[in-house]
Structure formats: structure tokens, C-alpha cells
Amino acid sequence: MPEGRHRPQRTCLGCRQAFDQSQLLRFVRSPEGDVLVDYRGKLPGRGGYTCLSIDCLRQAVARRQFDRTFKAPCRVSSVDGLAAGLEEALRERLAALIGMARKSSQIVSGSSLVLDALERPERLAVVIVAEDISAGIAEKIEHKARSRGVPCLYFSTKADLGQFLGRGERSVTALTAGRLAETFLAEWQKLKEFQGKFDVKDPSA
């Protein structure tokens, strides 16, 4: 963003602190009165915002801040339900980015090919390992990635990774360096921040 350009600010309904709008989660009220997660910020209507934090979301619901923001009664089935909806949206976003990487040839797929690519680690931005991979292969991939300075994370299942790539089961894939991989890592960090943990096996840690 050019220097001096205004960044929209919004106040978190939980902690009541102001942040750049891009750093916050957006929620909208449906015509039926349900509070919905608007992760991509594209749903119509007035928005309410919270930090990327389950604690702020709980505070907003407990204090009935959504009712005040939307100036109408709001129905929240449960905080856990909203949190689950957000996590699903984040996972769908990550899956879409993997699919985009495949279409733009910014991906290496398969454990053997990823291990080979790690011999030239400057090519790779992140290694993605299926959560249901065998322990032996996972350890081998993670050790190689860490030794080459490439972040390694665990996401989804072998069947899902294959589906994201339009192929059969895949236990390991990797994104090549570039803006798309940077976006993937930023979205992954949001997911881990919301879950309250950081699972990226960062070699610099």
C-alpha cells in the first residue's frame, strides 16, 4: 500500500482494541438473525469484527456485542460453532491455494520428488505433509526439510491432498518459492493463531 494511504480501522468486539481491518475477522448478521463468519469479507451488509482469537470471540458473544453492532437481536448457536465455521473456512482457503499452485505449476508432489527438490532448497518455500502419513516417512521428510532450512507443516489427509491436486492420494507435497506460497504460509499462520498453537516446523525456531 502506498505510504500515507489510509488503512481502515475497526474495533474488536471482544478486547475493544482498534486494529487494521485486514487483521480482524469479519462477521455479518443473516436476515434470519444468525451471526455468520465472513472470512473473505465478501458477504453483503454491515460487519462486526473480532481479533483472530477464540477469547475475543467468546467475550463478544458473552457481552452481546453483536446485538449492539447490528442493532438487532442476534443468534449465535454456540461459540464453538462459530469457531468451527472459521476453521473450516481457513482450511478451505488453504486447500484452494494448493489447487492454485498446481494449476500454475508452483508445486512439487510426491515424497520422492520432494526429497529430490530439497537438494535444491532455494526452490521450495514450504513442505506440506499429510497428517495420516506413516511415522517413518514423516520423520524422514521433516528431518530433510529442517536440515535444508525449509518449513515443514502437517495438513489434512493423504486423500485430501490428492484431491486438492486433482490426483490420487499424496502423502507429501511442496510449494515452490513465490507470492502464492507466501500467501499460503500467511493463511496457515492465521489458522494456527486461531487454534492457539503454531505447528510449522520452522528450522529457524
Foldseek 3Di string as FASTA:
>chain_A
DDPPDDFDWAAALQPRDIDRPVQWWKWDADPVQEIATPRVPDDDDDIHTHGLALNSLVRNVVVVVVCVRRVHHHDYPDSVVRLVRVLVVLLVVLLLLLLVLLVVVQKFFALVRLLVCLVVVLFFAEKEFEPPDDPVSVVVNLVSCLVSQHKYAYDHHQQSSQVSNVHGGTGMMTGTDDDSSVVSVVSLVSSQVSVVHDGTPGSVD
